[in-house]
Structure formats: C-alpha cells, structure tokens
Amino acid sequence: MAEITISVNSRPFQVVCRDGEEAQVTQLAEDFAARVATIKKGNEKAGDSHLMVLTGLMLCNDIRDLKHELDAVRRDMAEASKSRDALSARVDEIEEVLSLALNSAAEKIEAILPDMTNGSQNAPPTQETPNPLG
C-alpha cells in the first residue's frame, strides 16, 4: 500500500491507496479540492466540515444525474436494438420475396426459352420483298 499526501482547502490529508494508484488518487483529490474551492466561493464563512458536506452533496447530485443519463442511454439502446431486430427481420422477408420472385422469373424464362429457339427454327422462311428502287 502506498501513502500520499493530498491537499483540500489548503489542508493536508494523508491517504492510503494501492500501489500504482497514486496518480489516480492525486487526480481525484485535485478534482475534489477544486469542487470544494468552488463551493467555498459562495460560502466563505463555512467551515471545513460544512464545505465537505456540501461538496459531497454536489457529488451525489452529479452521480444521480449521471445515473439518469445512463438509464436514458440504456433505454435508447434497447429501443435501437428492437428497431434493428425488426429491420433485420424485414430485410430477411424482403430477401425471401426477392428470391421467390427471381426463381419464378427464371422458371418462366426457362419455360418459354425452348419455344423461342424452336419457334425460330420451325418458322417458315421469310420471303424477301423486292426492293422497288432497284
């Protein structure tokens, strides 16, 4: 375990953290100290405990707001997933209809193809019309 000193409201605090987490804890402490300083600007007469409580409440409010945003994003993702699934099912249906239509068209072409090739072979020879010009 590592021990570091952080400063909040110009007061030092000894904090213990896991080895390797010192930089992260220092950044968190700087963020917390900045929030305390922001609250202190509007409450210069507030003591340390009062500032800490107000900062804690502000952080709890931020967490609650973020949870609401996260819930909204999750709902949007669920709706998008349902829409994607519905679209995928519709694409499958369209592919099936197109496949059936293409197969049907191919069968019809194959059915008339022998008539067309046989018809041209069995057709009476055409008589050439004489050219009146010469």
C-alpha atoms as a PDB file:
ATOM      1  CA  MET A   1       0.000   0.000   0.000  1.00  0.00           C
ATOM      2  CA  ALA A   2       1.131   3.497  -0.793  1.00  0.00           C
ATOM      3  CA  GLU A   3       0.615   6.598   1.307  1.00  0.00           C
ATOM      4  CA  ILE A   4       0.302  10.017  -0.300  1.00  0.00           C
ATOM      5  CA  THR A   5      -0.493  13.497   0.943  1.00  0.00           C
ATOM      6  CA  ILE A   6      -3.313  15.400  -0.717  1.00  0.00           C
ATOM      7  CA  SER A   7      -4.467  18.943  -0.084  1.00  0.00           C
ATOM      8  CA  VAL A   8      -8.097  20.016   0.235  1.00  0.00           C
ATOM      9  CA  ASN A   9      -8.997  23.559   1.260  1.00  0.00           C
ATOM     10  CA  SER A  10      -5.323  24.242   1.994  1.00  0.00           C
ATOM     11  CA  ARG A  11      -5.198  21.391   4.487  1.00  0.00           C
ATOM     12  CA  PRO A  12      -3.011  18.318   4.059  1.00  0.00           C
ATOM     13  CA  PHE A  13      -4.515  14.834   4.349  1.00  0.00           C
ATOM     14  CA  GLN A  14      -2.663  11.524   4.427  1.00  0.00           C
ATOM     15  CA  VAL A  15      -4.368   8.990   2.151  1.00  0.00           C
ATOM     16  CA  VAL A  16      -3.563   5.320   1.687  1.00  0.00           C
ATOM     17  CA  CYS A  17      -4.099   3.706  -1.702  1.00  0.00           C
ATOM     18  CA  ARG A  18      -2.970   0.637  -3.601  1.00  0.00           C
ATOM     19  CA  ASP A  19       0.469   0.680  -5.135  1.00  0.00           C
ATOM     20  CA  GLY A  20       0.287   2.161  -8.615  1.00  0.00           C
ATOM     21  CA  GLU A  21      -2.884   4.161  -7.903  1.00  0.00           C
ATOM     22  CA  GLU A  22      -1.110   7.220  -6.551  1.00  0.00           C
ATOM     23  CA  ALA A  23      -1.558   9.302  -9.728  1.00  0.00           C
ATOM     24  CA  GLN A  24      -5.246   8.451  -9.963  1.00  0.00           C
ATOM     25  CA  VAL A  25      -5.888   9.288  -6.302  1.00  0.00           C
ATOM     26  CA  THR A  26      -3.963  12.542  -6.714  1.00  0.00           C
ATOM     27  CA  GLN A  27      -6.139  13.490  -9.711  1.00  0.00           C
ATOM     28  CA  LEU A  28      -9.302  12.630  -7.784  1.00  0.00           C
ATOM     29  CA  ALA A  29      -8.106  14.726  -4.848  1.00  0.00           C
ATOM     30  CA  GLU A  30      -7.390  17.664  -7.162  1.00  0.00           C
ATOM     31  CA  ASP A  31     -10.900  17.395  -8.626  1.00  0.00           C
ATOM     32  CA  PHE A  32     -12.415  17.209  -5.141  1.00  0.00           C
ATOM     33  CA  ALA A  33     -10.338  20.176  -3.937  1.00  0.00           C
ATOM     34  CA  ALA A  34     -11.468  22.206  -6.971  1.00  0.00           C
ATOM     35  CA  ARG A  35     -15.095  21.428  -6.155  1.00  0.00           C
ATOM     36  CA  VAL A  36     -14.584  22.425  -2.531  1.00  0.00           C
ATOM     37  CA  ALA A  37     -12.973  25.693  -3.685  1.00  0.00           C
ATOM     38  CA  THR A  38     -15.939  26.393  -5.985  1.00  0.00           C
ATOM     39  CA  ILE A  39     -18.410  25.891  -3.139  1.00  0.00           C
ATOM     40  CA  LYS A  40     -16.246  27.936  -0.764  1.00  0.00           C
ATOM     41  CA  LYS A  41     -16.514  30.971  -3.096  1.00  0.00           C
ATOM     42  CA  GLY A  42     -20.211  31.247  -2.288  1.00  0.00           C
ATOM     43  CA  ASN A  43     -19.815  30.208   1.364  1.00  0.00           C
ATOM     44  CA  GLU A  44     -16.665  31.908   2.659  1.00  0.00           C
ATOM     45  CA  LYS A  45     -17.748  31.557   6.292  1.00  0.00           C
ATOM     46  CA  ALA A  46     -18.438  27.820   6.043  1.00  0.00           C
ATOM     47  CA  GLY A  47     -16.116  25.555   7.992  1.00  0.00           C
ATOM     48  CA  ASP A  48     -14.259  22.573   6.578  1.00  0.00           C
ATOM     49  CA  SER A  49     -16.915  20.066   7.653  1.00  0.00           C
ATOM     50  CA  HIS A  50     -19.705  22.122   6.124  1.00  0.00           C
ATOM     51  CA  LEU A  51     -17.732  22.516   2.862  1.00  0.00           C
ATOM     52  CA  MET A  52     -17.081  18.771   2.755  1.00  0.00           C
ATOM     53  CA  VAL A  53     -20.797  18.020   3.284  1.00  0.00           C
ATOM     54  CA  LEU A  54     -21.826  20.490   0.568  1.00  0.00           C
ATOM     55  CA  THR A  55     -19.230  19.056  -1.815  1.00  0.00           C
ATOM     56  CA  GLY A  56     -20.396  15.528  -1.020  1.00  0.00           C
ATOM     57  CA  LEU A  57     -23.994  16.540  -1.730  1.00  0.00           C
ATOM     58  CA  MET A  58     -22.939  18.126  -5.014  1.00  0.00           C
ATOM     59  CA  LEU A  59     -21.092  14.947  -5.993  1.00  0.00           C
ATOM     60  CA  CYS A  60     -24.111  12.810  -5.043  1.00  0.00           C
ATOM     61  CA  ASN A  61     -26.289  15.046  -7.212  1.00  0.00           C
ATOM     62  CA  ASP A  62     -23.850  14.657 -10.115  1.00  0.00           C
ATOM     63  CA  ILE A  63     -23.877  10.877  -9.647  1.00  0.00           C
ATOM     64  CA  ARG A  64     -27.693  10.826  -9.617  1.00  0.00           C
ATOM     65  CA  ASP A  65     -27.817  12.927 -12.808  1.00  0.00           C
ATOM     66  CA  LEU A  66     -25.310  10.621 -14.492  1.00  0.00           C
ATOM     67  CA  LYS A  67     -27.348   7.565 -13.463  1.00  0.00           C
ATOM     68  CA  HIS A  68     -30.443   9.131 -15.041  1.00  0.00           C
ATOM     69  CA  GLU A  69     -28.483   9.863 -18.219  1.00  0.00           C
ATOM     70  CA  LEU A  70     -27.113   6.322 -18.245  1.00  0.00           C
ATOM     71  CA  ASP A  71     -30.623   4.902 -17.814  1.00  0.00           C
ATOM     72  CA  ALA A  72     -31.833   7.049 -20.731  1.00  0.00           C
ATOM     73  CA  VAL A  73     -28.947   5.848 -22.903  1.00  0.00           C
ATOM     74  CA  ARG A  74     -29.719   2.234 -21.967  1.00  0.00           C
ATOM     75  CA  ARG A  75     -33.386   2.755 -22.907  1.00  0.00           C
ATOM     76  CA  ASP A  76     -32.349   4.323 -26.214  1.00  0.00           C
ATOM     77  CA  MET A  77     -30.011   1.404 -26.878  1.00  0.00           C
ATOM     78  CA  ALA A  78     -32.765  -1.108 -26.095  1.00  0.00           C
ATOM     79  CA  GLU A  79     -35.148   0.686 -28.467  1.00  0.00           C
ATOM     80  CA  ALA A  80     -32.462   0.844 -31.143  1.00  0.00           C
ATOM     81  CA  SER A  81     -31.804  -2.857 -30.678  1.00  0.00           C
ATOM     82  CA  LYS A  82     -35.509  -3.626 -31.093  1.00  0.00           C
ATOM     83  CA  SER A  83     -35.626  -1.447 -34.214  1.00  0.00           C
ATOM     84  CA  ARG A  84     -32.518  -3.138 -35.579  1.00  0.00           C
ATOM     85  CA  ASP A  85     -34.042  -6.561 -34.942  1.00  0.00           C
ATOM     86  CA  ALA A  86     -37.297  -5.526 -36.629  1.00  0.00           C
ATOM     87  CA  LEU A  87     -35.402  -4.125 -39.620  1.00  0.00           C
ATOM     88  CA  SER A  88     -33.298  -7.256 -39.845  1.00  0.00           C
ATOM     89  CA  ALA A  89     -36.452  -9.397 -39.859  1.00  0.00           C
ATOM     90  CA  ARG A  90     -37.963  -7.160 -42.556  1.00  0.00           C
ATOM     91  CA  VAL A  91     -34.785  -7.439 -44.660  1.00  0.00           C
ATOM     92  CA  ASP A  92     -34.986 -11.230 -44.326  1.00  0.00           C
ATOM     93  CA  GLU A  93     -38.615 -11.121 -45.513  1.00  0.00           C
ATOM     94  CA  ILE A  94     -37.704  -8.910 -48.482  1.00  0.00           C
ATOM     95  CA  GLU A  95     -34.799 -11.181 -49.396  1.00  0.00           C
ATOM     96  CA  GLU A  96     -37.146 -14.174 -49.314  1.00  0.00           C
ATOM     97  CA  VAL A  97     -39.717 -12.404 -51.530  1.00  0.00           C
ATOM     98  CA  LEU A  98     -36.996 -11.333 -53.968  1.00  0.00           C
ATOM     99  CA  SER A  99     -35.576 -14.839 -54.058  1.00  0.00           C
ATOM    100  CA  LEU A 100     -39.007 -16.301 -54.815  1.00  0.00           C
ATOM    101  CA  ALA A 101     -39.631 -13.663 -57.492  1.00  0.00           C
ATOM    102  CA  LEU A 102     -36.258 -14.309 -59.139  1.00  0.00           C
ATOM    103  CA  ASN A 103     -36.808 -18.067 -59.072  1.00  0.00           C
ATOM    104  CA  SER A 104     -40.273 -17.618 -60.557  1.00  0.00           C
ATOM    105  CA  ALA A 105     -38.933 -15.323 -63.288  1.00  0.00           C
ATOM    106  CA  ALA A 106     -36.143 -17.783 -64.066  1.00  0.00           C
ATOM    107  CA  GLU A 107     -38.657 -20.641 -64.322  1.00  0.00           C
ATOM    108  CA  LYS A 108     -40.843 -18.610 -66.687  1.00  0.00           C
ATOM    109  CA  ILE A 109     -37.854 -17.674 -68.853  1.00  0.00           C
ATOM    110  CA  GLU A 110     -36.715 -21.297 -68.946  1.00  0.00           C
ATOM    111  CA  ALA A 111     -40.247 -22.372 -69.892  1.00  0.00           C
ATOM    112  CA  ILE A 112     -40.506 -20.014 -72.876  1.00  0.00           C
ATOM    113  CA  LEU A 113     -36.900 -20.307 -73.994  1.00  0.00           C
ATOM    114  CA  PRO A 114     -37.375 -23.660 -75.791  1.00  0.00           C
ATOM    115  CA  ASP A 115     -40.429 -22.258 -77.604  1.00  0.00           C
ATOM    116  CA  MET A 116     -38.422 -19.263 -78.755  1.00  0.00           C
ATOM    117  CA  THR A 117     -35.481 -21.312 -80.011  1.00  0.00           C
ATOM    118  CA  ASN A 118     -37.685 -23.997 -81.554  1.00  0.00           C
ATOM    119  CA  GLY A 119     -40.019 -21.390 -82.992  1.00  0.00           C
ATOM    120  CA  SER A 120     -37.265 -19.671 -84.916  1.00  0.00           C
ATOM    121  CA  GLN A 121     -36.087 -22.998 -86.363  1.00  0.00           C
ATOM    122  CA  ASN A 122     -39.581 -24.135 -87.388  1.00  0.00           C
ATOM    123  CA  ALA A 123     -40.755 -20.808 -88.737  1.00  0.00           C
ATOM    124  CA  PRO A 124     -41.386 -20.713 -92.470  1.00  0.00           C
ATOM    125  CA  PRO A 125     -38.690 -18.963 -94.421  1.00  0.00           C
ATOM    126  CA  THR A 126     -39.413 -15.346 -94.892  1.00  0.00           C
ATOM    127  CA  GLN A 127     -39.867 -14.132 -98.391  1.00  0.00           C
ATOM    128  CA  GLU A 128     -37.698 -11.291 -99.352  1.00  0.00           C
ATOM    129  CA  THR A 129     -39.614  -8.339-100.557  1.00  0.00           C
ATOM    130  CA  PRO A 130     -38.141  -6.970-103.758  1.00  0.00           C
ATOM    131  CA  ASN A 131     -36.596  -3.594-103.411  1.00  0.00           C
ATOM    132  CA  PRO A 132     -38.625  -1.197-105.545  1.00  0.00           C
ATOM    133  CA  LEU A 133     -35.587   1.003-106.064  1.00  0.00           C
ATOM    134  CA  GLY A 134     -33.606  -1.472-107.682  1.00  0.00           C
END
